[in-house]
PDB file of all heavy atoms in Angstrom:
ATOM      1  N   GLU A   1      -2.604   0.453  21.105  1.00  0.00           N
ATOM      2  CA  GLU A   1      -2.635   1.591  21.879  1.00  0.00           C
ATOM      3  C   GLU A   1      -1.187   1.996  22.124  1.00  0.00           C
ATOM      4  O   GLU A   1      -0.962   3.279  22.199  1.00  0.00           O
ATOM      5  CB  GLU A   1      -3.365   1.322  23.213  1.00  0.00           C
ATOM      6  CG  GLU A   1      -4.821   1.207  23.067  1.00  0.00           C
ATOM      7  CD  GLU A   1      -5.530   0.897  24.339  1.00  0.00           C
ATOM      8  OE1 GLU A   1      -4.938   0.284  25.173  1.00  0.00           O
ATOM      9  OE2 GLU A   1      -6.804   1.227  24.385  1.00  0.00           O
ATOM     10  N   ALA A   2      -0.293   1.140  22.532  1.00  0.00           N
ATOM     11  CA  ALA A   2       1.083   1.498  22.790  1.00  0.00           C
ATOM     12  C   ALA A   2       1.716   2.119  21.586  1.00  0.00           C
ATOM     13  O   ALA A   2       2.420   3.116  21.672  1.00  0.00           O
ATOM     14  CB  ALA A   2       1.798   0.267  23.224  1.00  0.00           C
ATOM     15  N   ARG A   3       1.457   1.435  20.398  1.00  0.00           N
ATOM     16  CA  ARG A   3       2.082   2.057  19.190  1.00  0.00           C
ATOM     17  C   ARG A   3       1.605   3.430  18.873  1.00  0.00           C
ATOM     18  O   ARG A   3       2.362   4.279  18.477  1.00  0.00           O
ATOM     19  CB  ARG A   3       1.756   1.020  18.039  1.00  0.00           C
ATOM     20  CG  ARG A   3       2.461   1.376  16.685  1.00  0.00           C
ATOM     21  CD  ARG A   3       2.367   0.300  15.566  1.00  0.00           C
ATOM     22  NE  ARG A   3       1.292  -0.657  15.797  1.00  0.00           N
ATOM     23  CZ  ARG A   3       0.022  -0.604  15.497  1.00  0.00           C
ATOM     24  NH1 ARG A   3      -0.342   0.487  14.862  1.00  0.00           N
ATOM     25  NH2 ARG A   3      -0.854  -1.589  15.676  1.00  0.00           N
ATOM     26  N   GLN A   4       0.276   3.640  19.132  1.00  0.00           N
ATOM     27  CA  GLN A   4      -0.191   4.987  18.938  1.00  0.00           C
ATOM     28  C   GLN A   4       0.391   6.075  19.895  1.00  0.00           C
ATOM     29  O   GLN A   4       0.543   7.270  19.473  1.00  0.00           O
ATOM     30  CB  GLN A   4      -1.765   5.075  19.116  1.00  0.00           C
ATOM     31  CG  GLN A   4      -2.467   4.295  18.029  1.00  0.00           C
ATOM     32  CD  GLN A   4      -4.005   4.181  18.272  1.00  0.00           C
ATOM     33  OE1 GLN A   4      -4.489   4.737  19.175  1.00  0.00           O
ATOM     34  NE2 GLN A   4      -4.598   3.328  17.527  1.00  0.00           N
ATOM     35  N   GLU A   5       0.876   5.582  20.939  1.00  0.00           N
ATOM     36  CA  GLU A   5       1.599   6.512  21.925  1.00  0.00           C
ATOM     37  C   GLU A   5       3.092   6.582  21.598  1.00  0.00           C
ATOM     38  O   GLU A   5       3.847   7.223  22.267  1.00  0.00           O
ATOM     39  CB  GLU A   5       1.345   6.025  23.296  1.00  0.00           C
ATOM     40  CG  GLU A   5       0.083   6.225  23.858  1.00  0.00           C
ATOM     41  CD  GLU A   5       0.019   5.955  25.398  1.00  0.00           C
ATOM     42  OE1 GLU A   5      -0.066   4.813  25.740  1.00  0.00           O
ATOM     43  OE2 GLU A   5       0.068   6.867  26.109  1.00  0.00           O
ATOM     44  N   GLY A   6       3.544   5.825  20.588  1.00  0.00           N
ATOM     45  CA  GLY A   6       4.883   5.851  20.213  1.00  0.00           C
ATOM     46  C   GLY A   6       5.800   4.820  20.872  1.00  0.00           C
ATOM     47  O   GLY A   6       7.022   4.844  20.858  1.00  0.00           O
ATOM     48  N   TYR A   7       5.218   3.777  21.554  1.00  0.00           N
ATOM     49  CA  TYR A   7       5.955   2.856  22.240  1.00  0.00           C
ATOM     50  C   TYR A   7       5.931   1.524  21.506  1.00  0.00           C
ATOM     51  O   TYR A   7       4.971   1.041  20.905  1.00  0.00           O
ATOM     52  CB  TYR A   7       5.351   2.516  23.593  1.00  0.00           C
ATOM     53  CG  TYR A   7       5.297   3.715  24.555  1.00  0.00           C
ATOM     54  CD1 TYR A   7       4.066   4.160  25.048  1.00  0.00           C
ATOM     55  CD2 TYR A   7       6.411   4.513  24.843  1.00  0.00           C
ATOM     56  CE1 TYR A   7       3.959   5.241  25.824  1.00  0.00           C
ATOM     57  CE2 TYR A   7       6.333   5.573  25.616  1.00  0.00           C
ATOM     58  CZ  TYR A   7       5.172   5.995  26.127  1.00  0.00           C
ATOM     59  OH  TYR A   7       5.053   7.084  26.978  1.00  0.00           O
ATOM     60  N   ARG A   8       7.169   0.868  21.370  1.00  0.00           N
ATOM     61  CA  ARG A   8       7.234  -0.351  20.584  1.00  0.00           C
ATOM     62  C   ARG A   8       7.385  -1.665  21.543  1.00  0.00           C
ATOM     63  O   ARG A   8       7.553  -2.798  21.015  1.00  0.00           O
ATOM     64  CB  ARG A   8       8.445  -0.286  19.639  1.00  0.00           C
ATOM     65  CG  ARG A   8       8.212   0.816  18.660  1.00  0.00           C
ATOM     66  CD  ARG A   8       7.674   0.368  17.387  1.00  0.00           C
ATOM     67  NE  ARG A   8       8.258  -0.852  16.802  1.00  0.00           N
ATOM     68  CZ  ARG A   8       7.449  -1.809  16.345  1.00  0.00           C
ATOM     69  NH1 ARG A   8       6.071  -1.808  16.288  1.00  0.00           N
ATOM     70  NH2 ARG A   8       7.992  -2.910  15.906  1.00  0.00           N
ATOM     71  N   HIS A   9       7.420  -1.467  22.848  1.00  0.00           N
ATOM     72  CA  HIS A   9       7.854  -2.614  23.700  1.00  0.00           C
ATOM     73  C   HIS A   9       6.742  -3.703  23.802  1.00  0.00           C
ATOM     74  O   HIS A   9       7.104  -4.776  24.017  1.00  0.00           O
ATOM     75  CB  HIS A   9       8.202  -2.114  25.101  1.00  0.00           C
ATOM     76  CG  HIS A   9       7.083  -1.385  25.907  1.00  0.00           C
ATOM     77  ND1 HIS A   9       6.514  -0.245  25.534  1.00  0.00           N
ATOM     78  CD2 HIS A   9       6.532  -1.811  26.997  1.00  0.00           C
ATOM     79  CE1 HIS A   9       5.671   0.071  26.403  1.00  0.00           C
ATOM     80  NE2 HIS A   9       5.563  -0.801  27.371  1.00  0.00           N
ATOM     81  N   ILE A  10       5.535  -3.405  23.545  1.00  0.00           N
ATOM     82  CA  ILE A  10       4.532  -4.421  23.472  1.00  0.00           C
ATOM     83  C   ILE A  10       4.667  -5.207  22.128  1.00  0.00           C
ATOM     84  O   ILE A  10       4.423  -6.429  22.165  1.00  0.00           O
ATOM     85  CB  ILE A  10       3.073  -3.891  23.697  1.00  0.00           C
ATOM     86  CG1 ILE A  10       3.001  -3.118  25.009  1.00  0.00           C
ATOM     87  CG2 ILE A  10       1.969  -5.051  23.656  1.00  0.00           C
ATOM     88  CD1 ILE A  10       3.423  -3.837  26.264  1.00  0.00           C
ATOM     89  N   ALA A  11       4.877  -4.544  21.082  1.00  0.00           N
ATOM     90  CA  ALA A  11       5.184  -5.234  19.790  1.00  0.00           C
ATOM     91  C   ALA A  11       6.427  -6.134  19.919  1.00  0.00           C
ATOM     92  O   ALA A  11       6.392  -7.277  19.437  1.00  0.00           O
ATOM     93  CB  ALA A  11       5.384  -4.218  18.637  1.00  0.00           C
ATOM     94  N   ARG A  12       7.390  -5.625  20.639  1.00  0.00           N
ATOM     95  CA  ARG A  12       8.582  -6.634  20.848  1.00  0.00           C
ATOM     96  C   ARG A  12       8.206  -7.731  21.737  1.00  0.00           C
ATOM     97  O   ARG A  12       8.696  -8.824  21.498  1.00  0.00           O
ATOM     98  CB  ARG A  12       9.736  -5.736  21.533  1.00  0.00           C
ATOM     99  CG  ARG A  12      10.507  -4.810  20.637  1.00  0.00           C
ATOM    100  CD  ARG A  12      11.752  -4.322  21.178  1.00  0.00           C
ATOM    101  NE  ARG A  12      11.653  -3.526  22.338  1.00  0.00           N
ATOM    102  CZ  ARG A  12      11.417  -2.167  22.327  1.00  0.00           C
ATOM    103  NH1 ARG A  12      11.280  -1.606  21.188  1.00  0.00           N
ATOM    104  NH2 ARG A  12      11.336  -1.535  23.431  1.00  0.00           N
ATOM    105  N   LEU A  13       7.317  -7.562  22.745  1.00  0.00           N
ATOM    106  CA  LEU A  13       6.888  -8.635  23.548  1.00  0.00           C
ATOM    107  C   LEU A  13       6.216  -9.709  22.704  1.00  0.00           C
ATOM    108  O   LEU A  13       6.519 -10.897  22.817  1.00  0.00           O
ATOM    109  CB  LEU A  13       5.843  -8.112  24.586  1.00  0.00           C
ATOM    110  CG  LEU A  13       5.021  -9.214  25.290  1.00  0.00           C
ATOM    111  CD1 LEU A  13       5.868 -10.161  26.167  1.00  0.00           C
ATOM    112  CD2 LEU A  13       3.910  -8.581  26.137  1.00  0.00           C
ATOM    113  N   ILE A  14       5.380  -9.308  21.823  1.00  0.00           N
ATOM    114  CA  ILE A  14       4.604 -10.192  20.882  1.00  0.00           C
ATOM    115  C   ILE A  14       5.540 -10.950  19.962  1.00  0.00           C
ATOM    116  O   ILE A  14       5.550 -12.125  19.816  1.00  0.00           O
ATOM    117  CB  ILE A  14       3.542  -9.532  20.132  1.00  0.00           C
ATOM    118  CG1 ILE A  14       2.469  -8.981  21.091  1.00  0.00           C
ATOM    119  CG2 ILE A  14       2.932 -10.380  19.027  1.00  0.00           C
ATOM    120  CD1 ILE A  14       1.489  -7.940  20.545  1.00  0.00           C
ATOM    121  N   ASP A  15       6.480 -10.167  19.432  1.00  0.00           N
ATOM    122  CA  ASP A  15       7.559 -10.790  18.499  1.00  0.00           C
ATOM    123  C   ASP A  15       8.325 -11.834  19.255  1.00  0.00           C
ATOM    124  O   ASP A  15       8.596 -12.864  18.806  1.00  0.00           O
ATOM    125  CB  ASP A  15       8.474  -9.696  17.927  1.00  0.00           C
ATOM    126  CG  ASP A  15       7.677  -8.757  16.921  1.00  0.00           C
ATOM    127  OD1 ASP A  15       6.549  -9.212  16.553  1.00  0.00           O
ATOM    128  OD2 ASP A  15       8.248  -7.704  16.623  1.00  0.00           O
ATOM    129  N   GLU A  16       8.895 -11.429  20.417  1.00  0.00           N
ATOM    130  CA  GLU A  16       9.806 -12.315  21.220  1.00  0.00           C
ATOM    131  C   GLU A  16       9.047 -13.567  21.605  1.00  0.00           C
ATOM    132  O   GLU A  16       9.623 -14.695  21.635  1.00  0.00           O
ATOM    133  CB  GLU A  16      10.319 -11.592  22.411  1.00  0.00           C
ATOM    134  CG  GLU A  16      11.318 -10.455  21.999  1.00  0.00           C
ATOM    135  CD  GLU A  16      11.732  -9.677  23.234  1.00  0.00           C
ATOM    136  OE1 GLU A  16      11.139  -9.752  24.368  1.00  0.00           O
ATOM    137  OE2 GLU A  16      12.729  -8.821  23.106  1.00  0.00           O
ATOM    138  N   TRP A  17       7.776 -13.409  21.912  1.00  0.00           N
ATOM    139  CA  TRP A  17       7.050 -14.620  22.363  1.00  0.00           C
ATOM    140  C   TRP A  17       6.797 -15.446  21.204  1.00  0.00           C
ATOM    141  O   TRP A  17       6.959 -16.687  21.246  1.00  0.00           O
ATOM    142  CB  TRP A  17       5.612 -14.140  22.923  1.00  0.00           C
ATOM    143  CG  TRP A  17       4.815 -15.224  23.568  1.00  0.00           C
ATOM    144  CD1 TRP A  17       4.025 -16.105  22.878  1.00  0.00           C
ATOM    145  CD2 TRP A  17       4.700 -15.469  24.940  1.00  0.00           C
ATOM    146  NE1 TRP A  17       3.481 -17.001  23.766  1.00  0.00           N
ATOM    147  CE2 TRP A  17       3.824 -16.637  25.052  1.00  0.00           C
ATOM    148  CE3 TRP A  17       5.162 -14.969  26.117  1.00  0.00           C
ATOM    149  CZ2 TRP A  17       3.439 -17.153  26.245  1.00  0.00           C
ATOM    150  CZ3 TRP A  17       4.843 -15.504  27.343  1.00  0.00           C
ATOM    151  CH2 TRP A  17       3.972 -16.578  27.428  1.00  0.00           C
ATOM    152  N   SER A  18       6.398 -14.944  20.002  1.00  0.00           N
ATOM    153  CA  SER A  18       6.127 -15.714  18.868  1.00  0.00           C
ATOM    154  C   SER A  18       7.419 -16.542  18.327  1.00  0.00           C
ATOM    155  O   SER A  18       7.229 -17.642  17.820  1.00  0.00           O
ATOM    156  CB  SER A  18       5.458 -14.903  17.760  1.00  0.00           C
ATOM    157  OG  SER A  18       6.391 -13.955  17.230  1.00  0.00           O
ATOM    158  N   THR A  19       8.504 -15.910  18.474  1.00  0.00           N
ATOM    159  CA  THR A  19       9.724 -16.630  18.076  1.00  0.00           C
ATOM    160  C   THR A  19      10.296 -17.543  19.052  1.00  0.00           C
ATOM    161  O   THR A  19      11.241 -18.357  18.938  1.00  0.00           O
ATOM    162  CB  THR A  19      10.809 -15.597  17.675  1.00  0.00           C
ATOM    163  OG1 THR A  19      11.166 -14.872  18.815  1.00  0.00           O
ATOM    164  CG2 THR A  19      10.376 -14.694  16.527  1.00  0.00           C
ATOM    165  N   GLY A  20       9.803 -17.392  20.334  1.00  0.00           N
ATOM    166  CA  GLY A  20      10.264 -18.205  21.423  1.00  0.00           C
ATOM    167  C   GLY A  20      11.489 -17.601  22.126  1.00  0.00           C
ATOM    168  O   GLY A  20      12.073 -18.308  23.052  1.00  0.00           O
ATOM    169  N   ASP A  21      11.948 -16.348  21.715  1.00  0.00           N
ATOM    170  CA  ASP A  21      13.106 -15.797  22.277  1.00  0.00           C
ATOM    171  C   ASP A  21      12.853 -15.417  23.775  1.00  0.00           C
ATOM    172  O   ASP A  21      13.782 -15.469  24.528  1.00  0.00           O
ATOM    173  CB  ASP A  21      13.479 -14.506  21.543  1.00  0.00           C
ATOM    174  CG  ASP A  21      14.105 -14.775  20.128  1.00  0.00           C
ATOM    175  OD1 ASP A  21      14.468 -15.990  19.984  1.00  0.00           O
ATOM    176  OD2 ASP A  21      14.182 -13.877  19.325  1.00  0.00           O
ATOM    177  N   ASN A  22      11.616 -15.019  24.111  1.00  0.00           N
ATOM    178  CA  ASN A  22      11.313 -14.775  25.471  1.00  0.00           C
ATOM    179  C   ASN A  22       9.947 -15.232  25.835  1.00  0.00           C
ATOM    180  O   ASN A  22       8.963 -14.636  25.350  1.00  0.00           O
ATOM    181  CB  ASN A  22      11.580 -13.280  25.790  1.00  0.00           C
ATOM    182  CG  ASN A  22      11.317 -13.041  27.331  1.00  0.00           C
ATOM    183  OD1 ASN A  22      11.202 -13.887  28.154  1.00  0.00           O
ATOM    184  ND2 ASN A  22      11.350 -11.743  27.669  1.00  0.00           N
ATOM    185  N   ARG A  23       9.753 -16.247  26.648  1.00  0.00           N
ATOM    186  CA  ARG A  23       8.424 -16.645  27.128  1.00  0.00           C
ATOM    187  C   ARG A  23       8.356 -16.603  28.579  1.00  0.00           C
ATOM    188  O   ARG A  23       7.499 -17.275  29.242  1.00  0.00           O
ATOM    189  CB  ARG A  23       8.256 -18.194  26.605  1.00  0.00           C
ATOM    190  CG  ARG A  23       8.190 -18.281  25.129  1.00  0.00           C
ATOM    191  CD  ARG A  23       6.740 -18.372  24.687  1.00  0.00           C
ATOM    192  NE  ARG A  23       6.544 -18.407  23.238  1.00  0.00           N
ATOM    193  CZ  ARG A  23       6.203 -19.535  22.611  1.00  0.00           C
ATOM    194  NH1 ARG A  23       6.061 -20.694  23.241  1.00  0.00           N
ATOM    195  NH2 ARG A  23       6.102 -19.500  21.343  1.00  0.00           N
ATOM    196  N   PHE A  24       9.299 -15.949  29.258  1.00  0.00           N
ATOM    197  CA  PHE A  24       9.199 -15.636  30.710  1.00  0.00           C
ATOM    198  C   PHE A  24       9.191 -17.017  31.500  1.00  0.00           C
ATOM    199  O   PHE A  24       8.399 -17.155  32.374  1.00  0.00           O
ATOM    200  CB  PHE A  24       7.978 -14.750  31.142  1.00  0.00           C
ATOM    201  CG  PHE A  24       7.988 -13.453  30.416  1.00  0.00           C
ATOM    202  CD1 PHE A  24       7.527 -13.220  29.128  1.00  0.00           C
ATOM    203  CD2 PHE A  24       8.466 -12.383  31.218  1.00  0.00           C
ATOM    204  CE1 PHE A  24       7.625 -12.065  28.509  1.00  0.00           C
ATOM    205  CE2 PHE A  24       8.547 -11.086  30.519  1.00  0.00           C
ATOM    206  CZ  PHE A  24       8.130 -10.871  29.231  1.00  0.00           C
ATOM    207  N   ARG A  25      10.170 -17.820  31.186  1.00  0.00           N
ATOM    208  CA  ARG A  25      10.145 -19.247  31.768  1.00  0.00           C
ATOM    209  C   ARG A  25      11.420 -19.489  32.626  1.00  0.00           C
ATOM    210  O   ARG A  25      11.334 -20.534  33.325  1.00  0.00           O
ATOM    211  CB  ARG A  25      10.081 -20.219  30.658  1.00  0.00           C
ATOM    212  CG  ARG A  25       8.616 -20.263  29.994  1.00  0.00           C
ATOM    213  CD  ARG A  25       8.567 -21.522  29.149  1.00  0.00           C
ATOM    214  NE  ARG A  25       7.196 -21.546  28.607  1.00  0.00           N
ATOM    215  CZ  ARG A  25       6.847 -21.969  27.356  1.00  0.00           C
ATOM    216  NH1 ARG A  25       7.762 -22.352  26.585  1.00  0.00           N
ATOM    217  NH2 ARG A  25       5.524 -21.948  27.016  1.00  0.00           N
ATOM    218  N   ARG A  26      12.316 -18.581  32.666  1.00  0.00           N
ATOM    219  CA  ARG A  26      13.488 -18.879  33.591  1.00  0.00           C
ATOM    220  C   ARG A  26      13.078 -18.597  34.963  1.00  0.00           C
ATOM    221  O   ARG A  26      12.119 -18.014  35.293  1.00  0.00           O
ATOM    222  CB  ARG A  26      14.696 -18.019  33.094  1.00  0.00           C
ATOM    223  CG  ARG A  26      15.142 -18.422  31.641  1.00  0.00           C
ATOM    224  CD  ARG A  26      16.438 -17.656  31.261  1.00  0.00           C
ATOM    225  NE  ARG A  26      15.989 -16.241  30.979  1.00  0.00           N
ATOM    226  CZ  ARG A  26      16.927 -15.346  30.616  1.00  0.00           C
ATOM    227  NH1 ARG A  26      18.214 -15.632  30.538  1.00  0.00           N
ATOM    228  NH2 ARG A  26      16.537 -14.119  30.366  1.00  0.00           N
ATOM    229  N   ASP A  27      13.991 -19.090  35.891  1.00  0.00           N
ATOM    230  CA  ASP A  27      13.697 -18.954  37.364  1.00  0.00           C
ATOM    231  C   ASP A  27      13.514 -17.456  37.626  1.00  0.00           C
ATOM    232  O   ASP A  27      14.270 -16.533  37.269  1.00  0.00           O
ATOM    233  CB  ASP A  27      14.963 -19.441  38.167  1.00  0.00           C
ATOM    234  CG  ASP A  27      14.968 -20.856  38.350  1.00  0.00           C
ATOM    235  OD1 ASP A  27      14.078 -21.496  37.940  1.00  0.00           O
ATOM    236  OD2 ASP A  27      16.049 -21.447  38.778  1.00  0.00           O
ATOM    237  N   GLY A  28      12.379 -17.171  38.331  1.00  0.00           N
ATOM    238  CA  GLY A  28      11.949 -15.829  38.673  1.00  0.00           C
ATOM    239  C   GLY A  28      11.233 -15.117  37.610  1.00  0.00           C
ATOM    240  O   GLY A  28      10.722 -13.996  37.940  1.00  0.00           O
ATOM    241  N   GLU A  29      11.142 -15.539  36.466  1.00  0.00           N
ATOM    242  CA  GLU A  29      10.486 -14.826  35.404  1.00  0.00           C
ATOM    243  C   GLU A  29       8.908 -15.079  35.397  1.00  0.00           C
ATOM    244  O   GLU A  29       8.482 -16.117  35.854  1.00  0.00           O
ATOM    245  CB  GLU A  29      11.066 -15.136  33.939  1.00  0.00           C
ATOM    246  CG  GLU A  29      12.432 -14.771  33.833  1.00  0.00           C
ATOM    247  CD  GLU A  29      12.962 -14.966  32.419  1.00  0.00           C
ATOM    248  OE1 GLU A  29      12.392 -15.653  31.654  1.00  0.00           O
ATOM    249  OE2 GLU A  29      14.055 -14.376  32.128  1.00  0.00           O
ATOM    250  N   ARG A  30       8.190 -14.088  35.043  1.00  0.00           N
ATOM    251  CA  ARG A  30       6.771 -14.148  35.020  1.00  0.00           C
ATOM    252  C   ARG A  30       6.108 -13.029  34.148  1.00  0.00           C
ATOM    253  O   ARG A  30       6.689 -11.929  34.086  1.00  0.00           O
ATOM    254  CB  ARG A  30       6.243 -14.042  36.462  1.00  0.00           C
ATOM    255  CG  ARG A  30       4.745 -14.166  36.477  1.00  0.00           C
ATOM    256  CD  ARG A  30       4.294 -14.426  37.904  1.00  0.00           C
ATOM    257  NE  ARG A  30       4.456 -15.855  38.120  1.00  0.00           N
ATOM    258  CZ  ARG A  30       4.016 -16.507  39.187  1.00  0.00           C
ATOM    259  NH1 ARG A  30       3.478 -15.822  40.082  1.00  0.00           N
ATOM    260  NH2 ARG A  30       4.201 -17.681  39.341  1.00  0.00           N
ATOM    261  N   LEU A  31       5.063 -13.362  33.477  1.00  0.00           N
ATOM    262  CA  LEU A  31       4.296 -12.375  32.686  1.00  0.00           C
ATOM    263  C   LEU A  31       2.963 -12.381  33.229  1.00  0.00           C
ATOM    264  O   LEU A  31       2.249 -13.386  33.266  1.00  0.00           O
ATOM    265  CB  LEU A  31       4.313 -12.672  31.196  1.00  0.00           C
ATOM    266  CG  LEU A  31       3.589 -11.740  30.298  1.00  0.00           C
ATOM    267  CD1 LEU A  31       4.394 -10.359  30.322  1.00  0.00           C
ATOM    268  CD2 LEU A  31       3.571 -12.308  28.820  1.00  0.00           C
ATOM    269  N   LEU A  32       2.475 -11.196  33.587  1.00  0.00           N
ATOM    270  CA  LEU A  32       1.149 -10.942  34.255  1.00  0.00           C
ATOM    271  C   LEU A  32       0.297 -10.053  33.410  1.00  0.00           C
ATOM    272  O   LEU A  32       0.840  -9.103  32.837  1.00  0.00           O
ATOM    273  CB  LEU A  32       1.241 -10.431  35.701  1.00  0.00           C
ATOM    274  CG  LEU A  32       1.998 -11.273  36.700  1.00  0.00           C
ATOM    275  CD1 LEU A  32       1.981 -10.540  38.013  1.00  0.00           C
ATOM    276  CD2 LEU A  32       1.383 -12.670  36.866  1.00  0.00           C
ATOM    277  N   GLY A  33      -0.992 -10.304  33.434  1.00  0.00           N
ATOM    278  CA  GLY A  33      -1.973  -9.313  32.898  1.00  0.00           C
ATOM    279  C   GLY A  33      -2.987  -8.859  33.909  1.00  0.00           C
ATOM    280  O   GLY A  33      -3.307  -9.709  34.767  1.00  0.00           O
ATOM    281  N   ALA A  34      -3.334  -7.688  33.900  1.00  0.00           N
ATOM    282  CA  ALA A  34      -4.356  -7.051  34.797  1.00  0.00           C
ATOM    283  C   ALA A  34      -5.715  -6.892  34.010  1.00  0.00           C
ATOM    284  O   ALA A  34      -5.667  -6.296  32.971  1.00  0.00           O
ATOM    285  CB  ALA A  34      -3.923  -5.723  35.360  1.00  0.00           C
ATOM    286  N   TYR A  35      -6.786  -7.522  34.528  1.00  0.00           N
ATOM    287  CA  TYR A  35      -8.032  -7.469  33.830  1.00  0.00           C
ATOM    288  C   TYR A  35      -8.989  -6.695  34.659  1.00  0.00           C
ATOM    289  O   TYR A  35      -9.073  -6.855  35.918  1.00  0.00           O
ATOM    290  CB  TYR A  35      -8.598  -8.864  33.639  1.00  0.00           C
ATOM    291  CG  TYR A  35      -7.985  -9.594  32.491  1.00  0.00           C
ATOM    292  CD1 TYR A  35      -6.740 -10.284  32.717  1.00  0.00           C
ATOM    293  CD2 TYR A  35      -8.572  -9.690  31.200  1.00  0.00           C
ATOM    294  CE1 TYR A  35      -6.118 -10.964  31.587  1.00  0.00           C
ATOM    295  CE2 TYR A  35      -7.992 -10.394  30.131  1.00  0.00           C
ATOM    296  CZ  TYR A  35      -6.749 -11.005  30.359  1.00  0.00           C
ATOM    297  OH  TYR A  35      -6.216 -11.689  29.312  1.00  0.00           O
ATOM    298  N   ALA A  36      -9.666  -5.747  34.069  1.00  0.00           N
ATOM    299  CA  ALA A  36     -10.774  -4.968  34.622  1.00  0.00           C
ATOM    300  C   ALA A  36     -12.047  -5.312  33.883  1.00  0.00           C
ATOM    301  O   ALA A  36     -12.032  -5.067  32.661  1.00  0.00           O
ATOM    302  CB  ALA A  36     -10.441  -3.434  34.674  1.00  0.00           C
ATOM    303  N   ARG A  37     -13.006  -5.841  34.564  1.00  0.00           N
ATOM    304  CA  ARG A  37     -14.307  -6.222  33.836  1.00  0.00           C
ATOM    305  C   ARG A  37     -13.938  -7.089  32.698  1.00  0.00           C
ATOM    306  O   ARG A  37     -14.505  -6.845  31.585  1.00  0.00           O
ATOM    307  CB  ARG A  37     -15.080  -5.021  33.514  1.00  0.00           C
ATOM    308  CG  ARG A  37     -15.516  -4.159  34.675  1.00  0.00           C
ATOM    309  CD  ARG A  37     -16.488  -3.106  34.297  1.00  0.00           C
ATOM    310  NE  ARG A  37     -16.609  -2.078  35.187  1.00  0.00           N
ATOM    311  CZ  ARG A  37     -15.995  -0.876  35.108  1.00  0.00           C
ATOM    312  NH1 ARG A  37     -15.306  -0.562  34.067  1.00  0.00           N
ATOM    313  NH2 ARG A  37     -16.212   0.060  36.067  1.00  0.00           N
ATOM    314  N   GLU A  38     -13.106  -8.080  32.818  1.00  0.00           N
ATOM    315  CA  GLU A  38     -12.771  -8.939  31.792  1.00  0.00           C
ATOM    316  C   GLU A  38     -12.140  -8.352  30.574  1.00  0.00           C
ATOM    317  O   GLU A  38     -12.000  -9.003  29.479  1.00  0.00           O
ATOM    318  CB  GLU A  38     -13.982  -9.843  31.263  1.00  0.00           C
ATOM    319  CG  GLU A  38     -14.506 -10.732  32.410  1.00  0.00           C
ATOM    320  CD  GLU A  38     -13.462 -11.617  32.965  1.00  0.00           C
ATOM    321  OE1 GLU A  38     -12.780 -12.359  32.184  1.00  0.00           O
ATOM    322  OE2 GLU A  38     -13.361 -11.796  34.212  1.00  0.00           O
TER     323      GLU A  38
END
């Protein structure tokens, strides 16, 4: 959906997570998801 809107930041999130470049593990870091009806 983000890509269809012209945004690449979610693709970068996936890429950085898969390479281990950013897993939101340093002090104060966090990655959250919001779920509506699962």
